[in-house]
Amino acid sequence: MTDVEQIGKALSQTLKEAIKAEETDSTRSIDLASAQFIIFSDHHKGARNRADDFQVAEQTYNAALAYYFQMGHTLITLGDVEELWEERAKPVLDAYDYTLKLEAPFHRQGRYLRFWGNHDDDWSYPDLVRQHLDRIYGGPPLKVREALRLKVMEGGQELGVLFLAHGHQGTADSDRFAFLSKPLVRYGWRPFQRFLGISLNTPAKSWQLRDQHNRAMYTWAAQQEKLILIVGHTHRPVFLSRLHAAKIRDELKKWQAALAANPNDPQLREKVSLLAAELEWVLSQERQMPGEEGTTPMEKPCYFNTGCCSFFDGDITGIEIADGEIRLIRWPDDDGRPRPRILESAKLRDVFAAL
C-alpha cells in the first residue's frame, strides 16, 4: 500500500471514529451567520532552550489570544501544541504557564476545542490530561480529541461538514512508526538539537515529501461528500486546496507577463518585485528546502491547512471562520502590528457549493 493510500485509510478510520464518538459526545453544529472560530496548530512549545521553536512566536501568539478572546471567537488548537517528543510535559507547561493561562478563559467559557497531534500525543491519554492540563485550564474537565466533525448550518439547512484533525494520520514516521520515532528524537536527537539549535519539528525537509503529503490529504478529502478537511502538521498554509506559496507564485507569473509587455512601467515593476520578495520570504520561513510545491492541480476547494505557530521569523498563521467566511490569516500584519492580516478569504457557503 502506498503512503497516499495509507494516509487515506487512516483518515477514513479517524472519520469513522469521530462519527462514533458523536453517539456520546453529541453532534456539533455551527451556524454560518454567527460562527466565530480561530484555528491554530503546530506551536511546538518547548522548554525555553535552543531547541524551542515557539519562543520567537510567543509574543505574537499571546497577542492573538487576547484579540480573539475579546472578539468572542472559539479557540481551536489543532495538535502539536506542545513539543513532547523532545521534552517532558511539566517543563514545557511550566515554561509557558502564562500563555496557557491566556488560553484557559476560552475553556472556562466553553469556547475551546483542543486536539492532539503526533508531537503531543501524551494528551491522547485522559489521565495525563487530568494530571497536567486540568490544573491549568480549570473549569470542567478538558477533553482533548483526535478529530471532530462540525456540521455547518444556514437557515436550518446543512451546507456540509468541517472535519478537523491534526493531519499526521497514516504517515510513516509520525503515526505508523511513531513508537520508534519518538524515543529516537527524545533520547538520540535532543541533546544535539539543544547544542546546535536545529529544528526537527517538521514532517519533511524534502519539498517532494511535503507535496506528496498535501496531495494525499487532498485526494482523500476530494472523495468525501460535502466535506472540508482542515489540518495542520505540514507547517505550510493551504487555502482552497492550494498552497499559499503557490498562489503567490501564480500571481507573480501573471504580473511578470504584464511587465514583459510593458517593461518601462514602474508600477508593474514594483508589483513584480514585491511579489518576488514575498514568495522568497514565505518559502524560507521554515528553513526547509523550497521547491515546486503546489504545482499539481487540486480543483475541489476541500483541503485547508493552518500553517503553524512556530515560524522562525515569529509569524504565526491560522484559519479564521467569521462573518460567513473562511480566511487564512497571519499575525502580525504587514507593518508588524499585533493584528491579523487576511491573506486569503472565501464565502464558506460558496466553498461548500463548489464541492
Protein backbone atom coordinates (compact mmCIF):
# COMPACT_ATOMS: atom_id res chain seq x y z
CA MET A 1 0.00 0.00 0.00
CA THR A 2 1.38 3.42 -0.98
CA ASP A 3 1.81 6.26 1.50
CA VAL A 4 -1.10 8.09 -0.15
CA GLU A 5 -3.30 5.03 0.36
CA GLN A 6 -2.11 4.63 3.96
CA ILE A 7 -2.97 8.23 4.74
CA GLY A 8 -6.39 7.89 3.10
CA LYS A 9 -7.12 4.70 5.01
CA ALA A 10 -6.10 6.31 8.31
CA LEU A 11 -8.22 9.41 7.67
CA SER A 12 -11.23 7.24 6.85
CA GLN A 13 -10.76 5.37 10.12
CA THR A 14 -10.36 8.64 12.01
CA LEU A 15 -13.58 9.97 10.47
CA LYS A 16 -15.40 6.76 11.37
CA GLU A 17 -14.22 7.06 14.98
CA ALA A 18 -15.25 10.72 15.11
CA ILE A 19 -18.75 9.80 13.94
CA LYS A 20 -18.94 7.01 16.52
CA ALA A 21 -17.84 9.42 19.27
CA GLU A 22 -20.85 11.58 18.44
CA GLU A 23 -23.09 8.89 19.93
CA THR A 24 -21.98 10.01 23.39
CA ASP A 25 -20.42 13.42 22.69
CA SER A 26 -23.32 14.66 20.53
CA THR A 27 -23.01 16.04 17.02
CA ARG A 28 -21.72 19.60 16.93
CA SER A 29 -23.35 22.11 14.61
CA ILE A 30 -22.36 25.69 13.91
CA ASP A 31 -24.48 28.48 12.46
CA LEU A 32 -22.83 30.13 9.48
CA ALA A 33 -24.15 33.58 10.37
CA SER A 34 -22.84 33.63 13.94
CA ALA A 35 -19.88 31.20 13.97
CA GLN A 36 -16.58 32.69 15.10
CA PHE A 37 -13.58 30.35 15.21
CA ILE A 38 -9.83 30.73 15.14
CA ILE A 39 -7.83 27.58 14.41
CA PHE A 40 -4.12 27.43 15.25
CA SER A 41 -1.76 24.46 15.22
CA ASP A 42 1.85 23.37 15.49
CA HIS A 43 3.11 25.67 18.23
CA HIS A 44 5.71 23.10 19.37
CA LYS A 45 6.14 24.81 22.72
CA GLY A 46 9.39 23.62 24.27
CA ALA A 47 11.31 24.28 27.47
CA ARG A 48 12.89 27.63 26.51
CA ASN A 49 16.14 26.09 25.33
CA ARG A 50 17.79 26.28 21.92
CA ALA A 51 15.52 23.53 20.62
CA ASP A 52 12.38 25.53 21.42
CA ASP A 53 10.82 26.85 18.20
CA PHE A 54 7.89 28.62 19.85
CA GLN A 55 9.90 31.24 21.76
CA VAL A 56 10.20 33.62 18.84
CA ALA A 57 6.45 33.43 18.14
CA GLU A 58 5.32 33.67 21.79
CA GLN A 59 4.64 37.42 21.76
CA THR A 60 2.65 37.18 18.54
CA TYR A 61 0.58 34.22 19.70
CA ASN A 62 -0.21 35.81 23.07
CA ALA A 63 -1.40 38.96 21.30
CA ALA A 64 -3.62 36.86 19.03
CA LEU A 65 -5.14 35.07 22.03
CA ALA A 66 -6.01 38.40 23.67
CA TYR A 67 -7.63 39.64 20.46
CA TYR A 68 -9.73 36.56 19.73
CA PHE A 69 -10.90 36.22 23.32
CA GLN A 70 -12.26 39.76 23.32
CA MET A 71 -13.77 39.22 19.85
CA GLY A 72 -15.74 36.22 21.13
CA HIS A 73 -14.12 33.56 18.96
CA THR A 74 -13.90 29.89 19.85
CA LEU A 75 -10.25 28.85 20.01
CA ILE A 76 -9.23 25.58 18.36
CA THR A 77 -5.69 24.26 18.87
CA LEU A 78 -5.20 21.55 16.29
CA GLY A 79 -2.34 19.48 17.68
CA ASP A 80 1.42 19.65 18.28
CA VAL A 81 0.68 22.45 20.71
CA GLU A 82 3.48 21.19 22.95
CA GLU A 83 6.71 19.55 21.81
CA LEU A 84 6.55 16.35 23.85
CA TRP A 85 8.74 14.20 21.64
CA GLU A 86 11.73 16.25 22.73
CA GLU A 87 10.60 17.34 26.19
CA ARG A 88 8.55 16.04 29.10
CA ALA A 89 5.25 17.72 29.82
CA LYS A 90 5.98 19.52 33.10
CA PRO A 91 8.99 21.61 31.97
CA VAL A 92 7.08 22.74 28.88
CA LEU A 93 3.91 23.64 30.77
CA ASP A 94 5.93 25.46 33.42
CA ALA A 95 7.85 27.38 30.74
CA TYR A 96 4.64 28.62 29.09
CA ASP A 97 2.38 28.94 32.10
CA TYR A 98 1.40 32.49 31.12
CA THR A 99 0.41 31.54 27.57
CA LEU A 100 -1.63 28.61 28.84
CA LYS A 101 -3.42 30.92 31.24
CA LEU A 102 -4.36 33.11 28.28
CA GLU A 103 -5.93 30.04 26.66
CA ALA A 104 -7.71 28.95 29.85
CA PRO A 105 -10.54 31.56 29.80
CA PHE A 106 -11.63 30.23 26.40
CA HIS A 107 -12.10 26.81 28.02
CA ARG A 108 -13.90 28.14 31.07
CA GLN A 109 -16.36 29.95 28.81
CA GLY A 110 -16.97 26.84 26.67
CA ARG A 111 -15.06 28.33 23.74
CA TYR A 112 -12.11 25.96 23.47
CA LEU A 113 -11.53 22.80 21.42
CA ARG A 114 -8.19 21.03 21.79
CA PHE A 115 -6.76 18.28 19.59
CA TRP A 116 -3.67 16.12 19.93
CA GLY A 117 -1.09 15.58 17.23
CA ASN A 118 1.88 13.30 16.88
CA HIS A 119 4.24 15.56 18.87
CA ASP A 120 1.83 15.99 21.79
CA ASP A 121 0.22 12.55 21.72
CA ASP A 122 0.55 12.40 25.52
CA TRP A 123 -2.80 14.21 25.51
CA SER A 124 -4.45 11.19 23.88
CA TYR A 125 -4.38 9.71 27.40
CA PRO A 126 -7.14 11.23 29.59
CA ASP A 127 -5.24 10.52 32.81
CA LEU A 128 -2.29 12.65 31.61
CA VAL A 129 -4.71 15.42 30.60
CA ARG A 130 -6.21 15.37 34.09
CA GLN A 131 -2.77 15.31 35.70
CA HIS A 132 -1.19 18.13 33.71
CA LEU A 133 -3.76 20.27 31.88
CA ASP A 134 -6.87 20.35 34.07
CA ARG A 135 -4.98 22.10 36.87
CA ILE A 136 -4.05 24.90 34.44
CA TYR A 137 -7.27 25.33 32.48
CA GLY A 138 -9.70 24.95 35.37
CA GLY A 139 -13.42 24.69 34.77
CA PRO A 140 -14.89 21.40 33.52
CA PRO A 141 -12.52 18.52 32.66
CA LEU A 142 -10.71 19.23 29.39
CA LYS A 143 -11.42 16.84 26.51
CA VAL A 144 -8.58 16.50 24.01
CA ARG A 145 -9.69 14.96 20.73
CA GLU A 146 -8.06 13.33 17.75
CA ALA A 147 -10.71 14.62 15.33
CA LEU A 148 -14.10 16.30 15.19
CA ARG A 149 -16.88 16.97 12.71
CA LEU A 150 -18.61 20.36 12.71
CA LYS A 151 -21.84 20.50 10.73
CA VAL A 152 -22.26 23.91 9.12
CA MET A 153 -25.87 25.12 9.10
CA GLU A 154 -27.51 28.09 7.40
CA GLY A 155 -31.18 28.83 7.99
CA GLY A 156 -31.84 25.27 9.14
CA GLN A 157 -30.12 23.76 6.08
CA GLU A 158 -26.93 21.74 6.38
CA LEU A 159 -24.32 23.08 3.96
CA GLY A 160 -21.67 20.48 4.73
CA VAL A 161 -19.13 19.35 7.29
CA LEU A 162 -15.84 20.75 8.55
CA PHE A 163 -13.62 17.81 9.53
CA LEU A 164 -10.77 18.77 11.85
CA ALA A 165 -7.72 16.67 12.71
CA HIS A 166 -4.02 17.29 13.16
CA GLY A 167 -3.11 15.69 9.85
CA HIS A 168 -0.40 13.18 10.77
CA GLN A 169 -2.75 10.22 10.43
CA GLY A 170 -1.33 7.41 8.32
CA THR A 171 2.14 8.89 7.86
CA ALA A 172 5.10 6.57 8.40
CA ASP A 173 7.33 8.36 10.93
CA SER A 174 4.60 10.43 12.61
CA ASP A 175 1.91 7.78 13.00
CA ARG A 176 2.56 4.18 11.93
CA PHE A 177 6.11 4.04 13.34
CA ALA A 178 5.85 6.84 15.91
CA PHE A 179 6.68 4.34 18.66
CA LEU A 180 10.19 4.24 17.15
CA SER A 181 10.48 7.87 16.08
CA LYS A 182 9.57 9.37 19.45
CA PRO A 183 12.33 7.74 21.57
CA LEU A 184 14.89 8.33 18.83
CA VAL A 185 14.07 12.03 18.84
CA ARG A 186 13.93 12.35 22.64
CA TYR A 187 16.98 10.33 23.59
CA GLY A 188 19.06 10.41 20.42
CA TRP A 189 18.49 13.73 18.72
CA ARG A 190 17.51 16.06 21.58
CA PRO A 191 21.00 16.56 23.10
CA PHE A 192 22.41 17.51 19.70
CA GLN A 193 19.46 19.74 18.92
CA ARG A 194 19.83 21.66 22.18
CA PHE A 195 23.51 22.20 21.42
CA LEU A 196 23.09 23.10 17.74
CA GLY A 197 19.72 24.85 17.95
CA ILE A 198 18.40 22.98 14.89
CA SER A 199 14.69 22.29 14.48
CA LEU A 200 13.31 18.83 13.83
CA ASN A 201 9.63 19.52 14.34
CA THR A 202 8.53 19.49 10.69
CA PRO A 203 7.24 16.43 8.84
CA ALA A 204 9.69 16.58 5.96
CA LYS A 205 12.65 18.64 4.82
CA SER A 206 12.10 17.46 1.24
CA TRP A 207 9.60 19.53 -0.68
CA GLN A 208 8.65 16.42 -2.65
CA LEU A 209 7.57 14.67 0.57
CA ARG A 210 5.63 17.70 1.74
CA ASP A 211 3.94 17.96 -1.64
CA GLN A 212 3.08 14.27 -1.54
CA HIS A 213 1.51 14.69 1.88
CA ASN A 214 -0.62 17.61 0.71
CA ARG A 215 -1.77 15.62 -2.31
CA ALA A 216 -2.70 12.68 -0.07
CA MET A 217 -4.76 14.96 2.18
CA TYR A 218 -6.47 16.50 -0.83
CA THR A 219 -7.12 13.16 -2.55
CA TRP A 220 -8.91 11.80 0.50
CA ALA A 221 -10.95 14.97 1.10
CA ALA A 222 -11.97 15.18 -2.57
CA GLN A 223 -13.53 11.72 -2.32
CA GLN A 224 -15.85 12.74 0.53
CA GLU A 225 -19.32 14.24 0.20
CA LYS A 226 -19.63 17.93 1.12
CA LEU A 227 -16.64 17.75 3.47
CA ILE A 228 -13.90 20.31 4.07
CA LEU A 229 -10.75 18.94 5.68
CA ILE A 230 -8.82 21.33 7.98
CA VAL A 231 -5.48 20.11 9.31
CA GLY A 232 -2.03 21.29 10.37
CA HIS A 233 1.12 19.13 10.62
CA THR A 234 2.95 20.24 7.46
CA HIS A 235 3.51 23.84 8.67
CA ARG A 236 2.60 25.02 5.14
CA PRO A 237 -0.60 27.10 4.80
CA VAL A 238 -3.09 25.72 2.28
CA PHE A 239 -6.27 27.56 1.27
CA LEU A 240 -8.93 26.18 -1.08
CA SER A 241 -6.67 23.15 -1.71
CA ARG A 242 -3.90 25.47 -2.89
CA LEU A 243 -0.60 26.08 -1.17
CA HIS A 244 -0.37 29.76 -0.23
CA ALA A 245 3.12 29.94 -1.75
CA ALA A 246 1.72 28.54 -5.00
CA LYS A 247 -0.88 31.31 -5.06
CA ILE A 248 1.86 33.93 -4.73
CA ARG A 249 3.88 32.18 -7.44
CA ASP A 250 0.91 32.23 -9.84
CA GLU A 251 0.30 35.93 -9.17
CA LEU A 252 3.98 36.62 -9.76
CA LYS A 253 3.87 34.89 -13.17
CA LYS A 254 0.79 36.90 -14.15
CA TRP A 255 2.40 40.22 -13.29
CA GLN A 256 5.72 39.21 -14.85
CA ALA A 257 3.85 38.67 -18.11
CA ALA A 258 2.29 42.12 -17.78
CA LEU A 259 5.72 43.64 -17.11
CA ALA A 260 7.19 41.86 -20.14
CA ALA A 261 4.55 43.57 -22.27
CA ASN A 262 5.20 46.95 -20.58
CA PRO A 263 8.86 46.88 -19.44
CA ASN A 264 9.02 50.60 -18.70
CA ASP A 265 6.05 50.68 -16.33
CA PRO A 266 7.45 51.47 -12.83
CA GLN A 267 4.28 50.41 -11.02
CA LEU A 268 4.30 46.99 -12.68
CA ARG A 269 7.98 46.57 -11.86
CA GLU A 270 7.36 47.39 -8.20
CA LYS A 271 4.44 44.93 -8.11
CA VAL A 272 6.61 42.16 -9.55
CA SER A 273 9.47 43.00 -7.18
CA LEU A 274 7.23 42.90 -4.09
CA LEU A 275 5.65 39.58 -5.11
CA ALA A 276 9.07 38.06 -5.77
CA ALA A 277 10.23 39.18 -2.34
CA GLU A 278 7.05 37.85 -0.69
CA LEU A 279 7.46 34.46 -2.37
CA GLU A 280 11.04 34.05 -1.14
CA TRP A 281 10.01 35.21 2.33
CA VAL A 282 7.27 32.56 2.54
CA LEU A 283 9.47 29.80 1.13
CA SER A 284 12.23 30.47 3.65
CA GLN A 285 10.06 30.76 6.77
CA GLU A 286 10.58 27.13 7.74
CA ARG A 287 14.27 26.82 6.80
CA GLN A 288 13.22 23.94 4.59
CA MET A 289 14.41 23.35 1.05
CA PRO A 290 12.00 25.17 -1.26
CA GLY A 291 10.68 23.57 -4.41
CA GLU A 292 7.78 23.50 -6.82
CA GLU A 293 5.22 22.62 -4.18
CA GLY A 294 1.60 23.09 -5.11
CA THR A 295 2.00 22.68 -8.86
CA THR A 296 -0.26 19.60 -9.00
CA PRO A 297 -3.81 20.78 -9.85
CA MET A 298 -6.24 20.39 -6.94
CA GLU A 299 -9.54 21.66 -8.26
CA LYS A 300 -12.01 20.92 -5.44
CA PRO A 301 -11.68 23.51 -2.64
CA CYS A 302 -11.89 20.80 0.04
CA TYR A 303 -8.50 20.97 1.76
CA PHE A 304 -7.19 23.66 4.12
CA ASN A 305 -4.06 23.79 6.27
CA THR A 306 -3.49 26.21 9.15
CA GLY A 307 0.26 26.53 8.64
CA CYS A 308 1.87 26.86 12.08
CA CYS A 309 2.60 28.98 15.15
CA SER A 310 6.35 28.39 15.08
CA PHE A 311 7.73 30.14 12.02
CA PHE A 312 11.31 31.21 12.56
CA ASP A 313 10.56 34.87 11.87
CA GLY A 314 8.00 34.96 14.70
CA ASP A 315 4.96 34.98 12.41
CA ILE A 316 2.01 32.69 13.01
CA THR A 317 -0.72 31.62 10.59
CA GLY A 318 -4.15 30.15 11.16
CA ILE A 319 -7.62 29.58 9.75
CA GLU A 320 -10.32 32.01 10.83
CA ILE A 321 -14.06 31.48 10.38
CA ALA A 322 -16.22 34.56 10.88
CA ASP A 323 -18.84 36.66 9.09
CA GLY A 324 -19.77 33.66 6.93
CA GLU A 325 -16.22 33.48 5.58
CA ILE A 326 -13.24 31.17 5.92
CA ARG A 327 -9.91 33.02 5.95
CA LEU A 328 -6.22 32.31 6.01
CA ILE A 329 -4.71 34.84 8.39
CA ARG A 330 -1.24 35.81 9.52
CA TRP A 331 -0.09 37.60 12.65
CA PRO A 332 1.35 40.24 12.79
CA ASP A 333 0.19 42.41 9.89
CA ASP A 334 2.46 43.77 7.15
CA ASP A 335 3.61 46.61 9.39
CA GLY A 336 4.48 44.31 12.28
CA ARG A 337 1.48 45.42 14.34
CA PRO A 338 -0.37 42.96 16.64
CA ARG A 339 -3.38 42.39 14.43
CA PRO A 340 -4.44 39.85 11.82
CA ARG A 341 -3.59 40.19 8.15
CA ILE A 342 -6.07 38.37 5.90
CA LEU A 343 -4.02 36.53 3.28
CA GLU A 344 -6.95 34.82 1.53
CA SER A 345 -10.69 34.60 2.11
CA ALA A 346 -13.81 32.98 0.66
CA LYS A 347 -17.50 32.73 1.47
CA LEU A 348 -17.93 29.39 3.24
CA ARG A 349 -21.30 28.91 1.55
CA ASP A 350 -19.62 29.23 -1.87
CA VAL A 351 -16.89 26.77 -0.90
CA PHE A 352 -19.43 24.11 0.03
CA ALA A 353 -21.39 24.82 -3.16
CA ALA A 354 -18.25 24.10 -5.20
CA LEU A 355 -17.70 20.67 -3.63
